[in-house]
């Protein structure tokens, strides 16, 4: 089954539309994660610095979760860089749990 991809771009008169602020991709169980459930991956949530703490990120995440439910996902997962402590606090406040680690290897 081909899973849909949702992209959202918010903009104002300053031209913020040049940067996508949110994408989500649903993945079917073992195909992507070795899990038995359908998982939606929250891949990018970026709110410009001047627009933070206005509820935009919370609204994007809430809409992404609703979209994921409508498309059969049983949970939402994401990764976040270790240095992004503010983002981690944001996701924990939104009900996300720390369930693992991400490992990366630089090739070049």
N, C-alpha and C. Protein backbone atom coordinates (compact mmCIF):
# COMPACT_ATOMS: atom_id res chain seq x y z
N UNK A 1 0.83 -1.18 0.00
CA UNK A 1 0.00 0.00 0.00
C UNK A 1 0.87 1.24 0.00
N UNK A 2 0.58 2.19 -0.84
CA UNK A 2 1.29 3.46 -0.87
C UNK A 2 0.68 4.40 0.17
N UNK A 3 1.48 4.84 1.12
CA UNK A 3 0.99 5.73 2.17
C UNK A 3 1.05 7.16 1.70
N UNK A 4 0.06 7.95 2.06
CA UNK A 4 0.06 9.36 1.67
C UNK A 4 1.08 10.15 2.47
N UNK A 5 1.53 11.25 1.90
CA UNK A 5 2.42 12.17 2.58
C UNK A 5 1.70 13.50 2.67
N UNK A 6 1.69 14.10 3.83
CA UNK A 6 1.04 15.38 4.05
C UNK A 6 2.10 16.44 4.24
N UNK A 7 1.99 17.55 3.57
CA UNK A 7 2.89 18.68 3.77
C UNK A 7 2.08 19.92 4.04
N UNK A 8 2.55 20.72 4.96
CA UNK A 8 1.87 21.96 5.30
C UNK A 8 2.90 23.07 5.30
N UNK A 9 2.57 24.18 4.68
CA UNK A 9 3.43 25.35 4.72
C UNK A 9 2.59 26.52 5.21
N UNK A 10 3.06 27.16 6.26
CA UNK A 10 2.40 28.36 6.76
C UNK A 10 3.21 29.56 6.31
N UNK A 11 2.54 30.65 6.02
CA UNK A 11 3.29 31.83 5.61
C UNK A 11 2.58 33.08 6.08
N UNK A 12 3.35 34.15 6.11
CA UNK A 12 2.77 35.46 6.33
C UNK A 12 3.36 36.39 5.27
N UNK A 13 3.15 37.66 5.40
CA UNK A 13 3.60 38.59 4.38
C UNK A 13 5.12 38.68 4.27
N UNK A 14 5.85 38.12 5.24
CA UNK A 14 7.31 38.17 5.18
C UNK A 14 7.90 37.07 4.30
N UNK A 15 7.06 36.18 3.77
CA UNK A 15 7.55 35.16 2.84
C UNK A 15 8.04 33.89 3.49
N UNK A 16 7.53 33.52 4.65
CA UNK A 16 7.96 32.29 5.30
C UNK A 16 7.59 31.04 4.51
N UNK A 17 6.81 31.19 3.45
CA UNK A 17 6.36 30.03 2.69
C UNK A 17 7.49 29.31 1.99
N UNK A 18 8.67 29.88 1.94
CA UNK A 18 9.78 29.22 1.25
C UNK A 18 10.28 27.99 2.02
N UNK A 19 9.93 27.85 3.28
CA UNK A 19 10.40 26.73 4.08
C UNK A 19 9.21 25.89 4.56
N UNK A 20 9.17 24.59 4.19
CA UNK A 20 8.10 23.76 4.73
C UNK A 20 8.25 23.65 6.24
N UNK A 21 7.15 23.78 6.94
CA UNK A 21 7.20 23.73 8.38
C UNK A 21 6.80 22.38 8.95
N UNK A 22 6.17 21.56 8.15
CA UNK A 22 5.68 20.30 8.69
C UNK A 22 5.49 19.29 7.58
N UNK A 23 5.95 18.08 7.80
CA UNK A 23 5.61 16.96 6.92
C UNK A 23 5.38 15.74 7.79
N UNK A 24 4.58 14.84 7.31
CA UNK A 24 4.35 13.58 8.04
C UNK A 24 4.19 12.47 7.01
N UNK A 25 4.73 11.32 7.31
CA UNK A 25 4.62 10.17 6.42
C UNK A 25 4.20 8.98 7.26
N UNK A 26 3.19 8.30 6.83
CA UNK A 26 2.75 7.10 7.53
C UNK A 26 3.49 5.90 6.96
N UNK A 27 3.90 4.99 7.82
CA UNK A 27 4.63 3.80 7.38
C UNK A 27 3.92 2.57 7.91
N UNK A 28 3.82 1.54 7.10
CA UNK A 28 3.12 0.31 7.47
C UNK A 28 4.04 -0.63 8.23
N UNK A 29 3.75 -0.80 9.49
CA UNK A 29 4.38 -1.79 10.35
C UNK A 29 5.80 -2.17 10.02
N UNK A 30 6.05 -3.44 9.77
CA UNK A 30 7.39 -3.97 9.56
C UNK A 30 8.12 -3.36 8.37
N UNK A 31 7.39 -2.76 7.44
CA UNK A 31 8.04 -2.17 6.28
C UNK A 31 9.07 -1.12 6.66
N UNK A 32 8.85 -0.39 7.76
CA UNK A 32 9.72 0.72 8.07
C UNK A 32 10.31 0.68 9.47
N UNK A 33 9.68 0.01 10.40
CA UNK A 33 10.09 0.18 11.79
C UNK A 33 10.19 -1.10 12.59
N UNK A 34 9.95 -2.22 12.00
CA UNK A 34 9.94 -3.50 12.72
C UNK A 34 8.89 -3.51 13.83
N UNK A 35 7.83 -2.75 13.66
CA UNK A 35 6.74 -2.70 14.62
C UNK A 35 5.50 -3.27 13.97
N UNK A 36 4.59 -3.75 14.80
CA UNK A 36 3.38 -4.35 14.24
C UNK A 36 2.29 -3.32 13.97
N UNK A 37 2.42 -2.11 14.49
CA UNK A 37 1.40 -1.07 14.32
C UNK A 37 1.73 -0.16 13.14
N UNK A 38 0.70 0.46 12.60
CA UNK A 38 0.91 1.51 11.61
C UNK A 38 1.38 2.76 12.34
N UNK A 39 2.49 3.30 11.90
CA UNK A 39 3.12 4.43 12.58
C UNK A 39 3.20 5.61 11.64
N UNK A 40 2.79 6.77 12.11
CA UNK A 40 2.98 8.01 11.37
C UNK A 40 4.27 8.65 11.87
N UNK A 41 5.11 9.10 10.95
CA UNK A 41 6.38 9.73 11.32
C UNK A 41 6.26 11.23 11.14
N UNK A 42 6.44 11.92 12.22
CA UNK A 42 6.48 13.37 12.20
C UNK A 42 7.91 13.75 11.86
N UNK A 43 8.15 14.19 10.64
CA UNK A 43 9.52 14.33 10.17
C UNK A 43 10.10 15.72 10.29
N UNK A 44 9.30 16.75 10.20
CA UNK A 44 9.83 18.10 10.29
C UNK A 44 8.77 19.02 10.87
N UNK A 45 9.09 19.63 11.99
CA UNK A 45 8.25 20.70 12.53
C UNK A 45 9.19 21.85 12.84
N UNK A 46 9.05 22.92 12.11
CA UNK A 46 9.89 24.10 12.32
C UNK A 46 8.99 25.32 12.36
N UNK A 47 9.10 26.09 13.42
CA UNK A 47 8.39 27.35 13.52
C UNK A 47 9.46 28.44 13.65
N UNK A 48 9.39 29.44 12.79
CA UNK A 48 10.36 30.53 12.81
C UNK A 48 10.44 31.13 14.21
N UNK A 49 11.64 31.52 14.60
CA UNK A 49 11.90 32.00 15.96
C UNK A 49 10.91 33.07 16.41
N UNK A 50 10.59 34.03 15.57
CA UNK A 50 9.68 35.12 15.94
C UNK A 50 8.24 34.65 16.14
N UNK A 51 7.92 33.43 15.73
CA UNK A 51 6.56 32.91 15.81
C UNK A 51 6.41 31.82 16.87
N UNK A 52 7.46 31.54 17.61
CA UNK A 52 7.39 30.51 18.65
C UNK A 52 6.60 31.00 19.86
N UNK A 53 6.08 30.06 20.60
CA UNK A 53 5.30 30.32 21.82
C UNK A 53 3.97 31.02 21.51
N UNK A 54 3.47 30.81 20.31
CA UNK A 54 2.16 31.36 19.92
C UNK A 54 1.14 30.25 19.69
N UNK A 55 1.53 29.00 19.92
CA UNK A 55 0.62 27.88 19.72
C UNK A 55 0.65 27.27 18.33
N UNK A 56 1.51 27.79 17.46
CA UNK A 56 1.58 27.28 16.08
C UNK A 56 2.09 25.84 16.07
N UNK A 57 3.15 25.55 16.79
CA UNK A 57 3.69 24.20 16.83
C UNK A 57 2.69 23.21 17.42
N UNK A 58 2.03 23.60 18.50
CA UNK A 58 1.01 22.72 19.10
C UNK A 58 -0.10 22.44 18.11
N UNK A 59 -0.51 23.45 17.36
CA UNK A 59 -1.57 23.25 16.38
C UNK A 59 -1.10 22.34 15.25
N UNK A 60 0.13 22.51 14.78
CA UNK A 60 0.66 21.64 13.72
C UNK A 60 0.70 20.19 14.18
N UNK A 61 1.17 19.97 15.40
CA UNK A 61 1.26 18.60 15.92
C UNK A 61 -0.13 18.01 16.10
N UNK A 62 -1.05 18.78 16.65
CA UNK A 62 -2.42 18.28 16.84
C UNK A 62 -3.06 17.93 15.50
N UNK A 63 -2.88 18.77 14.49
CA UNK A 63 -3.43 18.49 13.17
C UNK A 63 -2.76 17.26 12.55
N UNK A 64 -1.47 17.12 12.77
CA UNK A 64 -0.77 15.95 12.22
C UNK A 64 -1.28 14.67 12.86
N UNK A 65 -1.53 14.71 14.16
CA UNK A 65 -2.05 13.54 14.86
C UNK A 65 -3.45 13.18 14.35
N UNK A 66 -4.28 14.19 14.13
CA UNK A 66 -5.63 13.94 13.60
C UNK A 66 -5.54 13.34 12.20
N UNK A 67 -4.64 13.88 11.38
CA UNK A 67 -4.44 13.35 10.02
C UNK A 67 -3.98 11.90 10.08
N UNK A 68 -3.04 11.62 10.98
CA UNK A 68 -2.51 10.25 11.12
C UNK A 68 -3.62 9.28 11.52
N UNK A 69 -4.46 9.68 12.47
CA UNK A 69 -5.58 8.82 12.88
C UNK A 69 -6.49 8.53 11.69
N UNK A 70 -6.81 9.57 10.92
CA UNK A 70 -7.69 9.38 9.76
C UNK A 70 -7.09 8.43 8.74
N UNK A 71 -5.77 8.30 8.73
CA UNK A 71 -5.10 7.42 7.77
C UNK A 71 -4.67 6.10 8.39
N UNK A 72 -5.24 5.76 9.55
CA UNK A 72 -5.04 4.43 10.13
C UNK A 72 -3.81 4.25 11.00
N UNK A 73 -3.09 5.32 11.31
CA UNK A 73 -1.92 5.19 12.18
C UNK A 73 -2.37 4.98 13.62
N UNK A 74 -1.66 4.11 14.31
CA UNK A 74 -1.96 3.84 15.70
C UNK A 74 -1.09 4.65 16.65
N UNK A 75 0.00 5.19 16.14
CA UNK A 75 0.86 6.04 16.95
C UNK A 75 1.68 6.95 16.04
N UNK A 76 2.26 7.98 16.63
CA UNK A 76 3.13 8.91 15.92
C UNK A 76 4.51 8.82 16.55
N UNK A 77 5.53 8.74 15.72
CA UNK A 77 6.91 8.73 16.20
C UNK A 77 7.68 9.86 15.54
N UNK A 78 8.79 10.25 16.16
CA UNK A 78 9.64 11.29 15.60
C UNK A 78 11.05 11.12 16.13
N UNK A 79 12.00 11.76 15.48
CA UNK A 79 13.35 11.83 15.99
C UNK A 79 13.69 13.30 16.17
N UNK A 80 14.60 13.58 17.09
CA UNK A 80 15.01 14.95 17.36
C UNK A 80 16.46 14.95 17.80
N UNK A 81 17.23 15.89 17.28
CA UNK A 81 18.65 15.96 17.62
C UNK A 81 18.88 16.17 19.12
N UNK A 82 19.94 15.59 19.63
CA UNK A 82 20.23 15.60 21.06
C UNK A 82 20.32 17.02 21.62
N UNK A 83 20.81 17.96 20.85
CA UNK A 83 21.01 19.33 21.33
C UNK A 83 19.72 20.15 21.38
N UNK A 84 18.62 19.62 20.87
CA UNK A 84 17.37 20.38 20.76
C UNK A 84 16.50 20.22 22.01
N UNK A 85 17.02 20.65 23.14
CA UNK A 85 16.33 20.47 24.41
C UNK A 85 14.98 21.16 24.45
N UNK A 86 14.86 22.35 23.84
CA UNK A 86 13.56 23.03 23.81
C UNK A 86 12.53 22.20 23.04
N UNK A 87 12.96 21.59 21.93
CA UNK A 87 12.04 20.75 21.15
C UNK A 87 11.63 19.53 21.96
N UNK A 88 12.56 18.94 22.69
CA UNK A 88 12.25 17.77 23.50
C UNK A 88 11.20 18.13 24.55
N UNK A 89 11.37 19.27 25.21
CA UNK A 89 10.40 19.70 26.22
C UNK A 89 9.03 19.94 25.57
N UNK A 90 9.03 20.50 24.37
CA UNK A 90 7.78 20.74 23.63
C UNK A 90 7.06 19.42 23.38
N UNK A 91 7.78 18.41 22.87
CA UNK A 91 7.15 17.13 22.56
C UNK A 91 6.69 16.40 23.82
N UNK A 92 7.47 16.45 24.88
CA UNK A 92 7.07 15.80 26.13
C UNK A 92 5.80 16.46 26.65
N UNK A 93 5.71 17.79 26.59
CA UNK A 93 4.50 18.49 27.02
C UNK A 93 3.30 18.11 26.16
N UNK A 94 3.56 17.70 24.91
CA UNK A 94 2.49 17.29 24.00
C UNK A 94 2.12 15.82 24.18
N UNK A 95 2.76 15.13 25.14
CA UNK A 95 2.40 13.74 25.43
C UNK A 95 3.32 12.69 24.83
N UNK A 96 4.41 13.11 24.19
CA UNK A 96 5.34 12.15 23.60
C UNK A 96 6.29 11.62 24.68
N UNK A 97 6.75 10.38 24.49
CA UNK A 97 7.65 9.74 25.45
C UNK A 97 8.98 9.44 24.79
N UNK A 98 10.04 9.51 25.57
CA UNK A 98 11.36 9.13 25.11
C UNK A 98 11.43 7.61 25.12
N UNK A 99 11.54 6.99 23.93
CA UNK A 99 11.49 5.53 23.84
C UNK A 99 12.73 4.92 23.21
N UNK A 100 13.74 5.71 22.88
CA UNK A 100 14.92 5.15 22.25
C UNK A 100 15.94 6.22 21.96
N UNK A 101 16.93 5.85 21.16
CA UNK A 101 17.95 6.81 20.74
C UNK A 101 18.14 6.71 19.23
N UNK A 102 18.69 7.75 18.65
CA UNK A 102 19.02 7.76 17.23
C UNK A 102 20.54 7.75 17.13
N UNK A 103 21.06 6.89 16.27
CA UNK A 103 22.49 6.82 16.03
C UNK A 103 22.79 7.29 14.62
N UNK A 104 23.87 8.04 14.46
CA UNK A 104 24.24 8.58 13.15
C UNK A 104 25.74 8.37 12.95
N UNK A 105 26.11 8.11 11.71
CA UNK A 105 27.51 7.97 11.36
C UNK A 105 27.81 8.90 10.19
N UNK A 106 28.78 9.79 10.37
CA UNK A 106 29.19 10.71 9.32
C UNK A 106 30.03 9.94 8.28
N UNK A 107 29.69 10.08 7.02
CA UNK A 107 30.39 9.37 5.97
C UNK A 107 31.37 10.25 5.21
N UNK A 108 31.16 11.53 5.24
CA UNK A 108 32.04 12.45 4.50
C UNK A 108 32.51 13.54 5.44
